[in-house]
Amino acid sequence: SFVDAKRIGVFGWSYGGFMTLRLLSQASDKIAMGVSVAPVT
């Protein structure tokens, strides 16, 4: 009840950077934005 589902963003570095890109690519309808640092692509 305390979360705005339209304002969820993701950040990750390295493997987390890869995860950020995969999450945005698969679920941009659920994740509003992302920051990817030094990702494996």
PDB file of all heavy atoms in Angstrom:
ATOM      1  N   SER A   1       0.807  -1.222   0.000  1.00  0.00           N
ATOM      2  CA  SER A   1       0.000   0.000   0.000  1.00  0.00           C
ATOM      3  C   SER A   1       0.838   1.268   0.000  1.00  0.00           C
ATOM      4  O   SER A   1       0.372   2.329  -0.425  1.00  0.00           O
ATOM      5  CB  SER A   1      -0.930   0.001   1.216  1.00  0.00           C
ATOM      6  OG  SER A   1      -0.168  -0.022   2.430  1.00  0.00           O
ATOM      7  N   PHE A   2       2.088   1.157   0.460  1.00  0.00           N
ATOM      8  CA  PHE A   2       2.947   2.341   0.564  1.00  0.00           C
ATOM      9  C   PHE A   2       3.878   2.506  -0.636  1.00  0.00           C
ATOM     10  O   PHE A   2       4.736   3.397  -0.641  1.00  0.00           O
ATOM     11  CB  PHE A   2       3.778   2.284   1.855  1.00  0.00           C
ATOM     12  CG  PHE A   2       4.578   1.015   2.014  1.00  0.00           C
ATOM     13  CD1 PHE A   2       5.842   0.888   1.459  1.00  0.00           C
ATOM     14  CD2 PHE A   2       4.059  -0.061   2.722  1.00  0.00           C
ATOM     15  CE1 PHE A   2       6.582  -0.263   1.603  1.00  0.00           C
ATOM     16  CE2 PHE A   2       4.790  -1.226   2.879  1.00  0.00           C
ATOM     17  CZ  PHE A   2       6.059  -1.333   2.317  1.00  0.00           C
ATOM     18  N   VAL A   3       3.735   1.675  -1.656  1.00  0.00           N
ATOM     19  CA  VAL A   3       4.600   1.740  -2.844  1.00  0.00           C
ATOM     20  C   VAL A   3       3.793   2.206  -4.050  1.00  0.00           C
ATOM     21  O   VAL A   3       2.675   1.736  -4.294  1.00  0.00           O
ATOM     22  CB  VAL A   3       5.233   0.360  -3.142  1.00  0.00           C
ATOM     23  CG1 VAL A   3       5.886   0.348  -4.530  1.00  0.00           C
ATOM     24  CG2 VAL A   3       6.269   0.007  -2.082  1.00  0.00           C
ATOM     25  N   ASP A   4       4.391   3.129  -4.801  1.00  0.00           N
ATOM     26  CA  ASP A   4       3.814   3.539  -6.073  1.00  0.00           C
ATOM     27  C   ASP A   4       4.394   2.622  -7.156  1.00  0.00           C
ATOM     28  O   ASP A   4       5.562   2.752  -7.529  1.00  0.00           O
ATOM     29  CB  ASP A   4       4.161   4.999  -6.363  1.00  0.00           C
ATOM     30  CG  ASP A   4       3.504   5.511  -7.640  1.00  0.00           C
ATOM     31  OD1 ASP A   4       3.024   4.686  -8.444  1.00  0.00           O
ATOM     32  OD2 ASP A   4       3.481   6.744  -7.834  1.00  0.00           O
ATOM     33  N   ALA A   5       3.597   1.680  -7.637  1.00  0.00           N
ATOM     34  CA  ALA A   5       4.080   0.672  -8.582  1.00  0.00           C
ATOM     35  C   ALA A   5       4.563   1.275  -9.895  1.00  0.00           C
ATOM     36  O   ALA A   5       5.304   0.627 -10.641  1.00  0.00           O
ATOM     37  CB  ALA A   5       2.972  -0.343  -8.853  1.00  0.00           C
ATOM     38  N   LYS A   6       4.181   2.509 -10.185  1.00  0.00           N
ATOM     39  CA  LYS A   6       4.614   3.155 -11.422  1.00  0.00           C
ATOM     40  C   LYS A   6       5.935   3.901 -11.248  1.00  0.00           C
ATOM     41  O   LYS A   6       6.445   4.482 -12.210  1.00  0.00           O
ATOM     42  CB  LYS A   6       3.537   4.125 -11.909  1.00  0.00           C
ATOM     43  CG  LYS A   6       2.243   3.434 -12.318  1.00  0.00           C
ATOM     44  CD  LYS A   6       1.231   4.438 -12.840  1.00  0.00           C
ATOM     45  CE  LYS A   6      -0.067   3.732 -13.270  1.00  0.00           C
ATOM     46  NZ  LYS A   6      -1.067   4.702 -13.787  1.00  0.00           N
ATOM     47  N   ARG A   7       6.466   3.891 -10.033  1.00  0.00           N
ATOM     48  CA  ARG A   7       7.726   4.603  -9.769  1.00  0.00           C
ATOM     49  C   ARG A   7       8.747   3.657  -9.121  1.00  0.00           C
ATOM     50  O   ARG A   7       9.268   3.909  -8.046  1.00  0.00           O
ATOM     51  CB  ARG A   7       7.481   5.815  -8.876  1.00  0.00           C
ATOM     52  CG  ARG A   7       6.718   6.957  -9.565  1.00  0.00           C
ATOM     53  CD  ARG A   7       6.753   8.219  -8.718  1.00  0.00           C
ATOM     54  NE  ARG A   7       5.980   8.075  -7.488  1.00  0.00           N
ATOM     55  CZ  ARG A   7       6.100   8.877  -6.432  1.00  0.00           C
ATOM     56  NH1 ARG A   7       6.980   9.882  -6.443  1.00  0.00           N
ATOM     57  NH2 ARG A   7       5.355   8.683  -5.353  1.00  0.00           N
ATOM     58  N   ILE A   8       9.040   2.572  -9.796  1.00  0.00           N
ATOM     59  CA  ILE A   8      10.069   1.627  -9.344  1.00  0.00           C
ATOM     60  C   ILE A   8      11.240   1.708 -10.304  1.00  0.00           C
ATOM     61  O   ILE A   8      11.094   1.524 -11.516  1.00  0.00           O
ATOM     62  CB  ILE A   8       9.523   0.187  -9.282  1.00  0.00           C
ATOM     63  CG1 ILE A   8       8.388   0.089  -8.257  1.00  0.00           C
ATOM     64  CG2 ILE A   8      10.637  -0.800  -8.929  1.00  0.00           C
ATOM     65  CD1 ILE A   8       7.732  -1.279  -8.190  1.00  0.00           C
ATOM     66  N   GLY A   9      12.420   2.009  -9.768  1.00  0.00           N
ATOM     67  CA  GLY A   9      13.632   2.093 -10.576  1.00  0.00           C
ATOM     68  C   GLY A   9      14.664   1.096 -10.098  1.00  0.00           C
ATOM     69  O   GLY A   9      14.648   0.659  -8.943  1.00  0.00           O
ATOM     70  N   VAL A  10      15.613   0.727 -10.970  1.00  0.00           N
ATOM     71  CA  VAL A  10      16.605  -0.293 -10.645  1.00  0.00           C
ATOM     72  C   VAL A  10      18.009   0.223 -10.930  1.00  0.00           C
ATOM     73  O   VAL A  10      18.234   0.962 -11.896  1.00  0.00           O
ATOM     74  CB  VAL A  10      16.335  -1.601 -11.427  1.00  0.00           C
ATOM     75  CG1 VAL A  10      16.392  -1.366 -12.931  1.00  0.00           C
ATOM     76  CG2 VAL A  10      17.317  -2.701 -11.022  1.00  0.00           C
ATOM     77  N   PHE A  11      18.934  -0.154 -10.060  1.00  0.00           N
ATOM     78  CA  PHE A  11      20.352   0.171 -10.235  1.00  0.00           C
ATOM     79  C   PHE A  11      21.187  -1.087 -10.030  1.00  0.00           C
ATOM     80  O   PHE A  11      20.907  -1.888  -9.140  1.00  0.00           O
ATOM     81  CB  PHE A  11      20.809   1.233  -9.232  1.00  0.00           C
ATOM     82  CG  PHE A  11      22.282   1.155  -8.889  1.00  0.00           C
ATOM     83  CD1 PHE A  11      23.236   1.549  -9.818  1.00  0.00           C
ATOM     84  CD2 PHE A  11      22.712   0.643  -7.672  1.00  0.00           C
ATOM     85  CE1 PHE A  11      24.593   1.445  -9.523  1.00  0.00           C
ATOM     86  CE2 PHE A  11      24.059   0.548  -7.366  1.00  0.00           C
ATOM     87  CZ  PHE A  11      25.006   0.951  -8.296  1.00  0.00           C
ATOM     88  N   GLY A  12      22.242  -1.251 -10.849  1.00  0.00           N
ATOM     89  CA  GLY A  12      23.171  -2.353 -10.652  1.00  0.00           C
ATOM     90  C   GLY A  12      24.517  -2.064 -11.279  1.00  0.00           C
ATOM     91  O   GLY A  12      24.626  -1.292 -12.241  1.00  0.00           O
ATOM     92  N   TRP A  13      25.556  -2.700 -10.736  1.00  0.00           N
ATOM     93  CA  TRP A  13      26.946  -2.512 -11.191  1.00  0.00           C
ATOM     94  C   TRP A  13      27.521  -3.872 -11.566  1.00  0.00           C
ATOM     95  O   TRP A  13      27.342  -4.848 -10.854  1.00  0.00           O
ATOM     96  CB  TRP A  13      27.737  -1.893 -10.048  1.00  0.00           C
ATOM     97  CG  TRP A  13      29.077  -1.296 -10.394  1.00  0.00           C
ATOM     98  CD1 TRP A  13      30.079  -1.848 -11.128  1.00  0.00           C
ATOM     99  CD2 TRP A  13      29.565  -0.007  -9.990  1.00  0.00           C
ATOM    100  NE1 TRP A  13      31.158  -1.001 -11.223  1.00  0.00           N
ATOM    101  CE2 TRP A  13      30.867   0.140 -10.526  1.00  0.00           C
ATOM    102  CE3 TRP A  13      29.035   1.024  -9.211  1.00  0.00           C
ATOM    103  CZ2 TRP A  13      31.654   1.282 -10.301  1.00  0.00           C
ATOM    104  CZ3 TRP A  13      29.809   2.162  -9.001  1.00  0.00           C
ATOM    105  CH2 TRP A  13      31.102   2.289  -9.537  1.00  0.00           C
ATOM    106  N   SER A  14      28.232  -3.953 -12.675  1.00  0.00           N
ATOM    107  CA  SER A  14      28.872  -5.187 -13.127  1.00  0.00           C
ATOM    108  C   SER A  14      27.794  -6.212 -13.490  1.00  0.00           C
ATOM    109  O   SER A  14      27.007  -5.973 -14.406  1.00  0.00           O
ATOM    110  CB  SER A  14      29.834  -5.702 -12.061  1.00  0.00           C
ATOM    111  OG  SER A  14      30.700  -6.697 -12.594  1.00  0.00           O
ATOM    112  N   TYR A  15      27.721  -7.342 -12.778  1.00  0.00           N
ATOM    113  CA  TYR A  15      26.611  -8.264 -13.039  1.00  0.00           C
ATOM    114  C   TYR A  15      25.285  -7.546 -12.785  1.00  0.00           C
ATOM    115  O   TYR A  15      24.295  -7.772 -13.486  1.00  0.00           O
ATOM    116  CB  TYR A  15      26.726  -9.500 -12.151  1.00  0.00           C
ATOM    117  CG  TYR A  15      25.940 -10.703 -12.657  1.00  0.00           C
ATOM    118  CD1 TYR A  15      26.587 -11.774 -13.271  1.00  0.00           C
ATOM    119  CD2 TYR A  15      24.559 -10.767 -12.517  1.00  0.00           C
ATOM    120  CE1 TYR A  15      25.872 -12.877 -13.739  1.00  0.00           C
ATOM    121  CE2 TYR A  15      23.834 -11.854 -12.985  1.00  0.00           C
ATOM    122  CZ  TYR A  15      24.495 -12.911 -13.590  1.00  0.00           C
ATOM    123  OH  TYR A  15      23.795 -13.999 -14.060  1.00  0.00           O
ATOM    124  N   GLY A  16      25.282  -6.685 -11.780  1.00  0.00           N
ATOM    125  CA  GLY A  16      24.081  -5.892 -11.524  1.00  0.00           C
ATOM    126  C   GLY A  16      23.753  -4.962 -12.678  1.00  0.00           C
ATOM    127  O   GLY A  16      22.580  -4.676 -12.953  1.00  0.00           O
ATOM    128  N   GLY A  17      24.777  -4.471 -13.373  1.00  0.00           N
ATOM    129  CA  GLY A  17      24.541  -3.664 -14.568  1.00  0.00           C
ATOM    130  C   GLY A  17      23.891  -4.477 -15.669  1.00  0.00           C
ATOM    131  O   GLY A  17      22.985  -4.006 -16.374  1.00  0.00           O
ATOM    132  N   PHE A  18      24.354  -5.708 -15.835  1.00  0.00           N
ATOM    133  CA  PHE A  18      23.720  -6.645 -16.761  1.00  0.00           C
ATOM    134  C   PHE A  18      22.266  -6.874 -16.373  1.00  0.00           C
ATOM    135  O   PHE A  18      21.356  -6.854 -17.211  1.00  0.00           O
ATOM    136  CB  PHE A  18      24.508  -7.957 -16.747  1.00  0.00           C
ATOM    137  CG  PHE A  18      23.775  -9.160 -17.277  1.00  0.00           C
ATOM    138  CD1 PHE A  18      23.549  -9.310 -18.629  1.00  0.00           C
ATOM    139  CD2 PHE A  18      23.326 -10.149 -16.410  1.00  0.00           C
ATOM    140  CE1 PHE A  18      22.875 -10.435 -19.119  1.00  0.00           C
ATOM    141  CE2 PHE A  18      22.663 -11.263 -16.876  1.00  0.00           C
ATOM    142  CZ  PHE A  18      22.426 -11.416 -18.235  1.00  0.00           C
ATOM    143  N   MET A  19      22.038  -7.083 -15.075  1.00  0.00           N
ATOM    144  CA  MET A  19      20.671  -7.317 -14.592  1.00  0.00           C
ATOM    145  C   MET A  19      19.765  -6.113 -14.862  1.00  0.00           C
ATOM    146  O   MET A  19      18.598  -6.272 -15.235  1.00  0.00           O
ATOM    147  CB  MET A  19      20.697  -7.640 -13.108  1.00  0.00           C
ATOM    148  CG  MET A  19      21.219  -9.030 -12.783  1.00  0.00           C
ATOM    149  SD  MET A  19      20.061 -10.318 -13.292  1.00  0.00           S
ATOM    150  CE  MET A  19      18.721 -10.025 -12.135  1.00  0.00           C
ATOM    151  N   THR A  20      20.286  -4.912 -14.669  1.00  0.00           N
ATOM    152  CA  THR A  20      19.495  -3.713 -14.945  1.00  0.00           C
ATOM    153  C   THR A  20      19.029  -3.691 -16.396  1.00  0.00           C
ATOM    154  O   THR A  20      17.852  -3.440 -16.690  1.00  0.00           O
ATOM    155  CB  THR A  20      20.311  -2.446 -14.631  1.00  0.00           C
ATOM    156  OG1 THR A  20      20.571  -2.385 -13.229  1.00  0.00           O
ATOM    157  CG2 THR A  20      19.573  -1.191 -15.057  1.00  0.00           C
ATOM    158  N   LEU A  21      19.946  -3.969 -17.318  1.00  0.00           N
ATOM    159  CA  LEU A  21      19.597  -3.956 -18.736  1.00  0.00           C
ATOM    160  C   LEU A  21      18.599  -5.057 -19.081  1.00  0.00           C
ATOM    161  O   LEU A  21      17.667  -4.845 -19.862  1.00  0.00           O
ATOM    162  CB  LEU A  21      20.861  -4.088 -19.579  1.00  0.00           C
ATOM    163  CG  LEU A  21      21.870  -2.935 -19.461  1.00  0.00           C
ATOM    164  CD1 LEU A  21      23.130  -3.243 -20.255  1.00  0.00           C
ATOM    165  CD2 LEU A  21      21.257  -1.618 -19.924  1.00  0.00           C
ATOM    166  N   ARG A  22      18.792  -6.240 -18.489  1.00  0.00           N
ATOM    167  CA  ARG A  22      17.861  -7.349 -18.766  1.00  0.00           C
ATOM    168  C   ARG A  22      16.474  -7.043 -18.194  1.00  0.00           C
ATOM    169  O   ARG A  22      15.450  -7.333 -18.818  1.00  0.00           O
ATOM    170  CB  ARG A  22      18.399  -8.654 -18.183  1.00  0.00           C
ATOM    171  CG  ARG A  22      19.548  -9.241 -18.945  1.00  0.00           C
ATOM    172  CD  ARG A  22      19.114  -9.816 -20.310  1.00  0.00           C
ATOM    173  NE  ARG A  22      18.468 -11.121 -20.137  1.00  0.00           N
ATOM    174  CZ  ARG A  22      17.179 -11.361 -20.383  1.00  0.00           C
ATOM    175  NH1 ARG A  22      16.381 -10.394 -20.806  1.00  0.00           N
ATOM    176  NH2 ARG A  22      16.673 -12.576 -20.227  1.00  0.00           N
ATOM    177  N   LEU A  23      16.430  -6.457 -17.005  1.00  0.00           N
ATOM    178  CA  LEU A  23      15.143  -6.124 -16.397  1.00  0.00           C
ATOM    179  C   LEU A  23      14.402  -5.074 -17.214  1.00  0.00           C
ATOM    180  O   LEU A  23      13.190  -5.187 -17.456  1.00  0.00           O
ATOM    181  CB  LEU A  23      15.354  -5.638 -14.962  1.00  0.00           C
ATOM    182  CG  LEU A  23      15.642  -6.727 -13.930  1.00  0.00           C
ATOM    183  CD1 LEU A  23      16.235  -6.132 -12.659  1.00  0.00           C
ATOM    184  CD2 LEU A  23      14.379  -7.514 -13.599  1.00  0.00           C
ATOM    185  N   LEU A  24      15.109  -4.049 -17.645  1.00  0.00           N
ATOM    186  CA  LEU A  24      14.462  -3.007 -18.446  1.00  0.00           C
ATOM    187  C   LEU A  24      14.016  -3.556 -19.799  1.00  0.00           C
ATOM    188  O   LEU A  24      12.952  -3.182 -20.314  1.00  0.00           O
ATOM    189  CB  LEU A  24      15.412  -1.830 -18.654  1.00  0.00           C
ATOM    190  CG  LEU A  24      15.748  -0.981 -17.421  1.00  0.00           C
ATOM    191  CD1 LEU A  24      16.670   0.163 -17.811  1.00  0.00           C
ATOM    192  CD2 LEU A  24      14.494  -0.443 -16.758  1.00  0.00           C
ATOM    193  N   SER A  25      14.815  -4.438 -20.381  1.00  0.00           N
ATOM    194  CA  SER A  25      14.474  -4.996 -21.688  1.00  0.00           C
ATOM    195  C   SER A  25      13.257  -5.913 -21.613  1.00  0.00           C
ATOM    196  O   SER A  25      12.492  -6.020 -22.567  1.00  0.00           O
ATOM    197  CB  SER A  25      15.666  -5.776 -22.257  1.00  0.00           C
ATOM    198  OG  SER A  25      16.764  -4.922 -22.482  1.00  0.00           O
ATOM    199  N   GLN A  26      13.102  -6.585 -20.481  1.00  0.00           N
ATOM    200  CA  GLN A  26      12.008  -7.533 -20.332  1.00  0.00           C
ATOM    201  C   GLN A  26      10.778  -6.927 -19.670  1.00  0.00           C
ATOM    202  O   GLN A  26       9.659  -7.391 -19.898  1.00  0.00           O
ATOM    203  CB  GLN A  26      12.476  -8.738 -19.504  1.00  0.00           C
ATOM    204  CG  GLN A  26      11.464  -9.861 -19.390  1.00  0.00           C
ATOM    205  CD  GLN A  26      12.088 -11.132 -18.859  1.00  0.00           C
ATOM    206  OE1 GLN A  26      13.238 -11.457 -19.162  1.00  0.00           O
ATOM    207  NE2 GLN A  26      11.337 -11.861 -18.060  1.00  0.00           N
ATOM    208  N   ALA A  27      10.976  -5.878 -18.873  1.00  0.00           N
ATOM    209  CA  ALA A  27       9.851  -5.406 -18.065  1.00  0.00           C
ATOM    210  C   ALA A  27       9.826  -3.892 -17.924  1.00  0.00           C
ATOM    211  O   ALA A  27       9.659  -3.360 -16.832  1.00  0.00           O
ATOM    212  CB  ALA A  27       9.898  -6.069 -16.688  1.00  0.00           C
ATOM    213  N   SER A  28       9.986  -3.169 -19.024  1.00  0.00           N
ATOM    214  CA  SER A  28       9.874  -1.709 -18.941  1.00  0.00           C
ATOM    215  C   SER A  28       8.473  -1.272 -18.556  1.00  0.00           C
ATOM    216  O   SER A  28       8.273  -0.131 -18.135  1.00  0.00           O
ATOM    217  CB  SER A  28      10.271  -1.067 -20.279  1.00  0.00           C
ATOM    218  OG  SER A  28      11.685  -0.944 -20.377  1.00  0.00           O
ATOM    219  N   ASP A  29       7.487  -2.166 -18.683  1.00  0.00           N
ATOM    220  CA  ASP A  29       6.133  -1.825 -18.255  1.00  0.00           C
ATOM    221  C   ASP A  29       5.993  -1.866 -16.733  1.00  0.00           C
ATOM    222  O   ASP A  29       5.047  -1.311 -16.174  1.00  0.00           O
ATOM    223  CB  ASP A  29       5.127  -2.790 -18.874  1.00  0.00           C
ATOM    224  CG  ASP A  29       5.405  -4.245 -18.526  1.00  0.00           C
ATOM    225  OD1 ASP A  29       6.592  -4.596 -18.338  1.00  0.00           O
ATOM    226  OD2 ASP A  29       4.442  -5.029 -18.444  1.00  0.00           O
ATOM    227  N   LYS A  30       6.961  -2.510 -16.064  1.00  0.00           N
ATOM    228  CA  LYS A  30       6.918  -2.616 -14.608  1.00  0.00           C
ATOM    229  C   LYS A  30       8.009  -1.797 -13.923  1.00  0.00           C
ATOM    230  O   LYS A  30       7.896  -1.480 -12.739  1.00  0.00           O
ATOM    231  CB  LYS A  30       7.061  -4.079 -14.181  1.00  0.00           C
ATOM    232  CG  LYS A  30       5.931  -4.990 -14.648  1.00  0.00           C
ATOM    233  CD  LYS A  30       6.178  -6.415 -14.173  1.00  0.00           C
ATOM    234  CE  LYS A  30       5.024  -7.331 -14.579  1.00  0.00           C
ATOM    235  NZ  LYS A  30       4.973  -7.528 -16.050  1.00  0.00           N
ATOM    236  N   ILE A  31       9.067  -1.475 -14.655  1.00  0.00           N
ATOM    237  CA  ILE A  31      10.201  -0.752 -14.082  1.00  0.00           C
ATOM    238  C   ILE A  31      10.351   0.565 -14.831  1.00  0.00           C
ATOM    239  O   ILE A  31      10.555   0.590 -16.048  1.00  0.00           O
ATOM    240  CB  ILE A  31      11.491  -1.583 -14.151  1.00  0.00           C
ATOM    241  CG1 ILE A  31      11.277  -2.915 -13.410  1.00  0.00           C
ATOM    242  CG2 ILE A  31      12.664  -0.826 -13.542  1.00  0.00           C
ATOM    243  CD1 ILE A  31      12.443  -3.859 -13.490  1.00  0.00           C
ATOM    244  N   ALA A  32      10.271   1.647 -14.104  1.00  0.00           N
ATOM    245  CA  ALA A  32      10.157   2.973 -14.718  1.00  0.00           C
ATOM    246  C   ALA A  32      11.472   3.523 -15.236  1.00  0.00           C
ATOM    247  O   ALA A  32      11.471   4.411 -16.099  1.00  0.00           O
ATOM    248  CB  ALA A  32       9.557   3.950 -13.713  1.00  0.00           C
ATOM    249  N   MET A  33      12.615   3.032 -14.719  1.00  0.00           N
ATOM    250  CA  MET A  33      13.913   3.566 -15.130  1.00  0.00           C
ATOM    251  C   MET A  33      15.015   2.672 -14.595  1.00  0.00           C
ATOM    252  O   MET A  33      14.779   1.832 -13.725  1.00  0.00           O
ATOM    253  CB  MET A  33      14.119   4.976 -14.591  1.00  0.00           C
ATOM    254  CG  MET A  33      13.899   5.108 -13.104  1.00  0.00           C
ATOM    255  SD  MET A  33      15.132   6.097 -12.208  1.00  0.00           S
ATOM    256  CE  MET A  33      16.608   5.156 -12.413  1.00  0.00           C
ATOM    257  N   GLY A  34      16.246   2.860 -15.112  1.00  0.00           N
ATOM    258  CA  GLY A  34      17.354   2.064 -14.608  1.00  0.00           C
ATOM    259  C   GLY A  34      18.689   2.744 -14.800  1.00  0.00           C
ATOM    260  O   GLY A  34      18.876   3.553 -15.720  1.00  0.00           O
ATOM    261  N   VAL A  35      19.625   2.400 -13.920  1.00  0.00           N
ATOM    262  CA  VAL A  35      21.014   2.850 -14.029  1.00  0.00           C
ATOM    263  C   VAL A  35      21.892   1.607 -14.089  1.00  0.00           C
ATOM    264  O   VAL A  35      21.850   0.758 -13.191  1.00  0.00           O
ATOM    265  CB  VAL A  35      21.439   3.726 -12.839  1.00  0.00           C
ATOM    266  CG1 VAL A  35      22.897   4.140 -12.991  1.00  0.00           C
ATOM    267  CG2 VAL A  35      20.541   4.946 -12.715  1.00  0.00           C
ATOM    268  N   SER A  36      22.680   1.495 -15.144  1.00  0.00           N
ATOM    269  CA  SER A  36      23.547   0.337 -15.364  1.00  0.00           C
ATOM    270  C   SER A  36      24.993   0.804 -15.412  1.00  0.00           C
ATOM    271  O   SER A  36      25.364   1.612 -16.263  1.00  0.00           O
ATOM    272  CB  SER A  36      23.169  -0.349 -16.686  1.00  0.00           C
ATOM    273  OG  SER A  36      24.072  -1.392 -16.987  1.00  0.00           O
ATOM    274  N   VAL A  37      25.806   0.287 -14.484  1.00  0.00           N
ATOM    275  CA  VAL A  37      27.215   0.668 -14.418  1.00  0.00           C
ATOM    276  C   VAL A  37      28.085  -0.537 -14.767  1.00  0.00           C
ATOM    277  O   VAL A  37      27.911  -1.626 -14.206  1.00  0.00           O
ATOM    278  CB  VAL A  37      27.589   1.191 -13.019  1.00  0.00           C
ATOM    279  CG1 VAL A  37      29.039   1.685 -13.008  1.00  0.00           C
ATOM    280  CG2 VAL A  37      26.646   2.304 -12.580  1.00  0.00           C
ATOM    281  N   ALA A  38      29.021  -0.344 -15.708  1.00  0.00           N
ATOM    282  CA  ALA A  38      30.000  -1.363 -16.109  1.00  0.00           C
ATOM    283  C   ALA A  38      29.358  -2.716 -16.374  1.00  0.00           C
ATOM    284  O   ALA A  38      29.758  -3.736 -15.811  1.00  0.00           O
ATOM    285  CB  ALA A  38      31.094  -1.480 -15.056  1.00  0.00           C
ATOM    286  N   PRO A  39      28.337  -2.760 -17.242  1.00  0.00           N
ATOM    287  CA  PRO A  39      27.609  -4.018 -17.432  1.00  0.00           C
ATOM    288  C   PRO A  39      28.284  -4.971 -18.415  1.00  0.00           C
ATOM    289  O   PRO A  39      28.924  -4.545 -19.376  1.00  0.00           O
ATOM    290  CB  PRO A  39      26.282  -3.531 -18.014  1.00  0.00           C
ATOM    291  CG  PRO A  39      26.676  -2.341 -18.830  1.00  0.00           C
ATOM    292  CD  PRO A  39      27.777  -1.667 -18.049  1.00  0.00           C
ATOM    293  N   VAL A  40      28.115  -6.261 -18.176  1.00  0.00           N
ATOM    294  CA  VAL A  40      28.342  -7.250 -19.222  1.00  0.00           C
ATOM    295  C   VAL A  40      27.115  -7.196 -20.123  1.00  0.00           C
ATOM    296  O   VAL A  40      25.981  -7.258 -19.642  1.00  0.00           O
ATOM    297  CB  VAL A  40      28.507  -8.668 -18.644  1.00  0.00           C
ATOM    298  CG1 VAL A  40      28.604  -9.695 -19.775  1.00  0.00           C
ATOM    299  CG2 VAL A  40      29.732  -8.742 -17.753  1.00  0.00           C
ATOM    300  N   THR A  41      27.327  -7.073 -21.423  1.00  0.00           N
ATOM    301  CA  THR A  41      26.188  -7.031 -22.356  1.00  0.00           C
ATOM    302  C   THR A  41      26.120  -8.274 -23.231  1.00  0.00           C
ATOM    303  O   THR A  41      25.066  -8.595 -23.769  1.00  0.00           O
ATOM    304  CB  THR A  41      26.259  -5.780 -23.248  1.00  0.00           C
ATOM    305  OG1 THR A  41      27.508  -5.761 -23.953  1.00  0.00           O
ATOM    306  CG2 THR A  41      26.138  -4.508 -22.406  1.00  0.00           C
TER     307      THR A  41
END
